[in-house]
């Protein structure tokens, strides 16, 4: 399974909703990823540029997209950004494979 890290900002209405009815949101996010065959690893609320950071596993990018599209469509959050995270062992394996790959930069013989 791939790991996805998503950040974003809550809308004004979402913040008002959290204040009116405080909740951690982990269950709602967990249900989203479970629905596509993945799982929530953790969710953090942050200060600064982003209001939250979600770390989740999903079978692939399409599954992660299927989990996140309803969130974006709801209008509850904005500025969502998602990236794939790689474990150190995955990077080491890729680096090992890269040893056998050659690359010629543009304009170089």
N, C-alpha and C. Protein backbone atom coordinates (compact mmCIF):
# COMPACT_ATOMS: atom_id res chain seq x y z
N UNK A 1 0.84 -1.18 0.00
CA UNK A 1 0.00 0.00 0.00
C UNK A 1 0.89 1.24 0.00
N UNK A 2 0.40 2.26 -0.64
CA UNK A 2 1.11 3.52 -0.69
C UNK A 2 0.64 4.44 0.45
N UNK A 3 1.55 5.30 0.88
CA UNK A 3 1.23 6.26 1.94
C UNK A 3 1.03 7.62 1.29
N UNK A 4 -0.03 8.29 1.71
CA UNK A 4 -0.36 9.61 1.18
C UNK A 4 -0.45 10.60 2.33
N UNK A 5 0.13 11.78 2.10
CA UNK A 5 0.08 12.86 3.09
C UNK A 5 -0.73 14.00 2.45
N UNK A 6 -1.80 14.38 3.13
CA UNK A 6 -2.68 15.43 2.63
C UNK A 6 -2.73 16.57 3.63
N UNK A 7 -2.58 17.78 3.12
CA UNK A 7 -2.73 18.97 3.94
C UNK A 7 -3.85 19.82 3.36
N UNK A 8 -4.40 20.69 4.18
CA UNK A 8 -5.44 21.57 3.69
C UNK A 8 -5.87 22.56 4.74
N UNK A 9 -6.86 23.37 4.36
CA UNK A 9 -7.39 24.39 5.27
C UNK A 9 -8.89 24.22 5.38
N UNK A 10 -9.41 24.40 6.57
CA UNK A 10 -10.85 24.34 6.79
C UNK A 10 -11.51 25.63 6.33
N UNK A 11 -12.72 25.50 5.82
CA UNK A 11 -13.50 26.69 5.48
C UNK A 11 -13.96 27.37 6.78
N UNK A 12 -14.39 28.60 6.64
CA UNK A 12 -14.93 29.35 7.79
C UNK A 12 -16.09 28.58 8.43
N UNK A 13 -16.96 28.02 7.60
CA UNK A 13 -18.10 27.25 8.12
C UNK A 13 -17.65 25.99 8.86
N UNK A 14 -16.61 25.33 8.36
CA UNK A 14 -16.11 24.13 9.03
C UNK A 14 -15.52 24.46 10.39
N UNK A 15 -14.81 25.56 10.49
CA UNK A 15 -14.24 25.96 11.78
C UNK A 15 -15.37 26.29 12.75
N UNK A 16 -16.38 26.99 12.26
CA UNK A 16 -17.53 27.29 13.11
C UNK A 16 -18.22 26.00 13.56
N UNK A 17 -18.31 25.03 12.67
CA UNK A 17 -18.91 23.75 13.01
C UNK A 17 -18.12 23.00 14.06
N UNK A 18 -16.80 23.04 13.94
CA UNK A 18 -15.94 22.39 14.94
C UNK A 18 -16.07 23.05 16.31
N UNK A 19 -16.25 24.37 16.30
CA UNK A 19 -16.41 25.08 17.57
C UNK A 19 -17.78 24.77 18.18
N UNK A 20 -18.81 24.68 17.34
CA UNK A 20 -20.16 24.41 17.84
C UNK A 20 -20.29 22.97 18.33
N UNK A 21 -19.62 22.05 17.64
CA UNK A 21 -19.70 20.64 18.00
C UNK A 21 -18.29 20.05 17.87
N UNK A 22 -17.44 20.24 18.89
CA UNK A 22 -16.06 19.77 18.82
C UNK A 22 -15.96 18.26 18.57
N UNK A 23 -15.11 17.91 17.63
CA UNK A 23 -14.84 16.51 17.34
C UNK A 23 -13.48 16.39 16.69
N UNK A 24 -12.85 15.25 16.84
CA UNK A 24 -11.50 15.06 16.33
C UNK A 24 -11.40 14.79 14.84
N UNK A 25 -12.48 14.37 14.19
CA UNK A 25 -12.56 14.08 12.77
C UNK A 25 -11.88 12.79 12.34
N UNK A 26 -11.20 12.09 13.24
CA UNK A 26 -10.50 10.86 12.87
C UNK A 26 -11.46 9.80 12.34
N UNK A 27 -12.61 9.63 12.96
CA UNK A 27 -13.58 8.61 12.52
C UNK A 27 -14.04 8.91 11.09
N UNK A 28 -14.38 10.15 10.80
CA UNK A 28 -14.85 10.51 9.46
C UNK A 28 -13.78 10.25 8.40
N UNK A 29 -12.54 10.63 8.70
CA UNK A 29 -11.45 10.42 7.75
C UNK A 29 -11.11 8.94 7.63
N UNK A 30 -11.14 8.23 8.75
CA UNK A 30 -10.89 6.79 8.73
C UNK A 30 -11.90 6.07 7.85
N UNK A 31 -13.16 6.46 7.96
CA UNK A 31 -14.22 5.84 7.15
C UNK A 31 -13.99 6.09 5.66
N UNK A 32 -13.51 7.28 5.31
CA UNK A 32 -13.23 7.58 3.90
C UNK A 32 -12.20 6.62 3.32
N UNK A 33 -11.10 6.44 4.03
CA UNK A 33 -10.03 5.58 3.52
C UNK A 33 -10.40 4.10 3.59
N UNK A 34 -11.13 3.71 4.62
CA UNK A 34 -11.59 2.31 4.70
C UNK A 34 -12.51 2.00 3.51
N UNK A 35 -13.28 2.97 3.09
CA UNK A 35 -14.20 2.78 1.97
C UNK A 35 -13.52 2.51 0.64
N UNK A 36 -12.24 2.85 0.54
CA UNK A 36 -11.49 2.59 -0.70
C UNK A 36 -10.42 1.52 -0.50
N UNK A 37 -10.51 0.80 0.61
CA UNK A 37 -9.55 -0.27 0.87
C UNK A 37 -8.28 0.17 1.55
N UNK A 38 -8.28 1.37 2.13
CA UNK A 38 -7.09 1.88 2.80
C UNK A 38 -7.33 2.04 4.28
N UNK A 39 -6.47 2.84 4.91
CA UNK A 39 -6.65 3.10 6.34
C UNK A 39 -6.00 4.43 6.70
N UNK A 40 -6.60 5.07 7.69
CA UNK A 40 -6.02 6.29 8.25
C UNK A 40 -4.89 5.90 9.18
N UNK A 41 -3.72 6.50 9.00
CA UNK A 41 -2.62 6.27 9.93
C UNK A 41 -2.73 7.26 11.08
N UNK A 42 -2.90 8.55 10.75
CA UNK A 42 -3.10 9.56 11.79
C UNK A 42 -3.54 10.87 11.15
N UNK A 43 -4.10 11.71 11.96
CA UNK A 43 -4.49 13.05 11.53
C UNK A 43 -3.96 14.03 12.58
N UNK A 44 -3.45 15.15 12.11
CA UNK A 44 -2.92 16.18 12.99
C UNK A 44 -3.57 17.51 12.62
N UNK A 45 -3.82 18.32 13.60
CA UNK A 45 -4.26 19.68 13.37
C UNK A 45 -3.05 20.57 13.56
N UNK A 46 -2.86 21.51 12.68
CA UNK A 46 -1.63 22.29 12.65
C UNK A 46 -1.92 23.78 12.67
N UNK A 47 -0.92 24.54 13.03
CA UNK A 47 -0.99 26.00 13.01
C UNK A 47 -0.17 26.48 11.83
N UNK A 48 -0.55 27.60 11.27
CA UNK A 48 0.22 28.16 10.17
C UNK A 48 -0.51 28.03 8.85
N UNK A 49 0.22 27.67 7.82
CA UNK A 49 -0.33 27.63 6.46
C UNK A 49 -1.46 26.61 6.30
N UNK A 50 -1.37 25.49 7.00
CA UNK A 50 -2.37 24.43 6.88
C UNK A 50 -3.08 24.24 8.21
N UNK A 51 -4.33 23.79 8.14
CA UNK A 51 -5.10 23.51 9.35
C UNK A 51 -5.00 22.05 9.77
N UNK A 52 -4.71 21.17 8.80
CA UNK A 52 -4.63 19.75 9.12
C UNK A 52 -3.61 19.05 8.24
N UNK A 53 -3.17 17.89 8.70
CA UNK A 53 -2.27 17.00 7.98
C UNK A 53 -2.81 15.59 8.20
N UNK A 54 -3.13 14.90 7.14
CA UNK A 54 -3.64 13.54 7.22
C UNK A 54 -2.60 12.60 6.62
N UNK A 55 -2.29 11.53 7.33
CA UNK A 55 -1.40 10.50 6.82
C UNK A 55 -2.24 9.23 6.70
N UNK A 56 -2.32 8.69 5.49
CA UNK A 56 -3.17 7.53 5.25
C UNK A 56 -2.52 6.59 4.25
N UNK A 57 -2.98 5.34 4.28
CA UNK A 57 -2.56 4.35 3.30
C UNK A 57 -3.73 4.09 2.37
N UNK A 58 -3.42 3.86 1.10
CA UNK A 58 -4.42 3.47 0.12
C UNK A 58 -3.75 2.54 -0.88
N UNK A 59 -4.53 1.69 -1.53
CA UNK A 59 -3.94 0.75 -2.47
C UNK A 59 -3.16 1.42 -3.61
N UNK A 60 -3.63 2.58 -4.06
CA UNK A 60 -2.96 3.29 -5.15
C UNK A 60 -3.48 4.73 -5.21
N UNK A 61 -2.98 5.47 -6.18
CA UNK A 61 -3.35 6.88 -6.31
C UNK A 61 -4.84 7.06 -6.61
N UNK A 62 -5.40 6.17 -7.42
CA UNK A 62 -6.83 6.29 -7.75
C UNK A 62 -7.70 6.09 -6.52
N UNK A 63 -7.32 5.17 -5.66
CA UNK A 63 -8.08 4.94 -4.42
C UNK A 63 -7.97 6.15 -3.50
N UNK A 64 -6.77 6.72 -3.39
CA UNK A 64 -6.60 7.92 -2.56
C UNK A 64 -7.44 9.06 -3.10
N UNK A 65 -7.45 9.21 -4.41
CA UNK A 65 -8.26 10.25 -5.05
C UNK A 65 -9.74 10.03 -4.76
N UNK A 66 -10.19 8.78 -4.82
CA UNK A 66 -11.59 8.47 -4.54
C UNK A 66 -11.96 8.82 -3.10
N UNK A 67 -11.02 8.67 -2.17
CA UNK A 67 -11.28 9.03 -0.77
C UNK A 67 -11.32 10.54 -0.58
N UNK A 68 -10.50 11.26 -1.32
CA UNK A 68 -10.35 12.70 -1.10
C UNK A 68 -11.31 13.56 -1.93
N UNK A 69 -11.77 13.08 -3.04
CA UNK A 69 -12.67 13.88 -3.88
C UNK A 69 -13.93 14.32 -3.13
N UNK A 70 -14.59 13.46 -2.37
CA UNK A 70 -15.78 13.93 -1.64
C UNK A 70 -15.47 15.04 -0.64
N UNK A 71 -14.29 15.02 -0.08
CA UNK A 71 -13.90 16.07 0.87
C UNK A 71 -13.79 17.40 0.14
N UNK A 72 -13.08 17.40 -0.98
CA UNK A 72 -12.95 18.61 -1.76
C UNK A 72 -14.28 19.11 -2.29
N UNK A 73 -15.12 18.19 -2.73
CA UNK A 73 -16.42 18.57 -3.28
C UNK A 73 -17.37 19.13 -2.23
N UNK A 74 -17.13 18.80 -0.97
CA UNK A 74 -18.03 19.25 0.10
C UNK A 74 -17.92 20.74 0.38
N UNK A 75 -16.80 21.35 0.00
CA UNK A 75 -16.58 22.75 0.31
C UNK A 75 -16.11 22.98 1.74
N UNK A 76 -15.94 21.90 2.50
CA UNK A 76 -15.52 22.01 3.90
C UNK A 76 -14.05 22.37 4.05
N UNK A 77 -13.27 22.09 3.02
CA UNK A 77 -11.84 22.39 3.07
C UNK A 77 -11.41 23.04 1.76
N UNK A 78 -10.28 23.69 1.80
CA UNK A 78 -9.70 24.27 0.59
C UNK A 78 -8.20 24.03 0.60
N UNK A 79 -7.58 24.32 -0.50
CA UNK A 79 -6.13 24.22 -0.64
C UNK A 79 -5.60 22.84 -0.27
N UNK A 80 -6.37 21.79 -0.58
CA UNK A 80 -5.87 20.44 -0.30
C UNK A 80 -4.72 20.10 -1.23
N UNK A 81 -3.69 19.55 -0.65
CA UNK A 81 -2.54 19.08 -1.40
C UNK A 81 -2.19 17.69 -0.88
N UNK A 82 -1.94 16.78 -1.80
CA UNK A 82 -1.60 15.42 -1.42
C UNK A 82 -0.32 15.00 -2.12
N UNK A 83 0.53 14.33 -1.39
CA UNK A 83 1.75 13.78 -1.97
C UNK A 83 1.91 12.33 -1.52
N UNK A 84 2.68 11.58 -2.28
CA UNK A 84 2.99 10.20 -1.92
C UNK A 84 4.25 10.23 -1.05
N UNK A 85 4.24 9.47 0.02
CA UNK A 85 5.40 9.37 0.90
C UNK A 85 6.07 8.01 0.69
N UNK A 86 7.37 8.00 0.69
CA UNK A 86 8.13 6.77 0.48
C UNK A 86 8.94 6.45 1.73
N UNK A 87 8.93 5.19 2.10
CA UNK A 87 9.76 4.73 3.23
C UNK A 87 11.22 4.73 2.80
N UNK A 88 12.10 4.84 3.77
CA UNK A 88 13.54 4.87 3.48
C UNK A 88 13.97 3.63 2.70
N UNK A 89 13.42 2.47 3.04
CA UNK A 89 13.77 1.23 2.34
C UNK A 89 13.36 1.29 0.87
N UNK A 90 12.22 1.95 0.58
CA UNK A 90 11.78 2.09 -0.80
C UNK A 90 12.73 2.97 -1.60
N UNK A 91 13.22 4.03 -0.97
CA UNK A 91 14.17 4.92 -1.65
C UNK A 91 15.48 4.19 -1.89
N UNK A 92 15.93 3.41 -0.91
CA UNK A 92 17.17 2.64 -1.07
C UNK A 92 17.03 1.64 -2.22
N UNK A 93 15.89 0.98 -2.32
CA UNK A 93 15.66 0.02 -3.40
C UNK A 93 15.65 0.74 -4.75
N UNK A 94 15.02 1.90 -4.81
CA UNK A 94 14.99 2.67 -6.06
C UNK A 94 16.40 3.14 -6.43
N UNK A 95 17.18 3.54 -5.44
CA UNK A 95 18.55 3.98 -5.70
C UNK A 95 19.38 2.82 -6.24
N UNK A 96 19.14 1.63 -5.73
CA UNK A 96 19.86 0.44 -6.22
C UNK A 96 19.51 0.20 -7.69
N UNK A 97 18.24 0.29 -8.03
CA UNK A 97 17.82 0.11 -9.43
C UNK A 97 18.38 1.21 -10.31
N UNK A 98 18.47 2.42 -9.78
CA UNK A 98 18.95 3.57 -10.56
C UNK A 98 20.40 3.40 -10.98
N UNK A 99 21.15 2.57 -10.29
CA UNK A 99 22.56 2.34 -10.66
C UNK A 99 22.68 1.80 -12.08
N UNK A 100 21.67 1.07 -12.55
CA UNK A 100 21.76 0.46 -13.87
C UNK A 100 21.12 1.32 -14.96
N UNK A 101 20.64 2.49 -14.59
CA UNK A 101 19.99 3.37 -15.55
C UNK A 101 20.96 4.48 -15.94
N UNK A 102 21.01 4.78 -17.23
CA UNK A 102 21.86 5.88 -17.69
C UNK A 102 20.98 7.01 -18.19
N UNK A 103 21.48 8.20 -18.05
CA UNK A 103 20.75 9.40 -18.48
C UNK A 103 21.71 10.35 -19.12
N UNK A 104 21.32 10.89 -20.29
CA UNK A 104 22.11 11.88 -20.98
C UNK A 104 21.38 13.20 -20.89
N UNK A 105 21.93 14.22 -20.22
CA UNK A 105 21.29 15.53 -20.14
C UNK A 105 21.18 16.15 -21.54
N UNK A 106 20.22 17.02 -21.75
CA UNK A 106 20.06 17.67 -23.05
C UNK A 106 21.33 18.39 -23.47
N UNK A 107 21.68 18.24 -24.74
CA UNK A 107 22.83 18.95 -25.30
C UNK A 107 24.17 18.33 -24.94
N UNK A 108 24.18 17.23 -24.26
CA UNK A 108 25.44 16.55 -23.89
C UNK A 108 25.58 15.30 -24.74
N UNK A 109 26.78 15.06 -25.20
CA UNK A 109 27.04 13.88 -26.04
C UNK A 109 27.19 12.63 -25.23
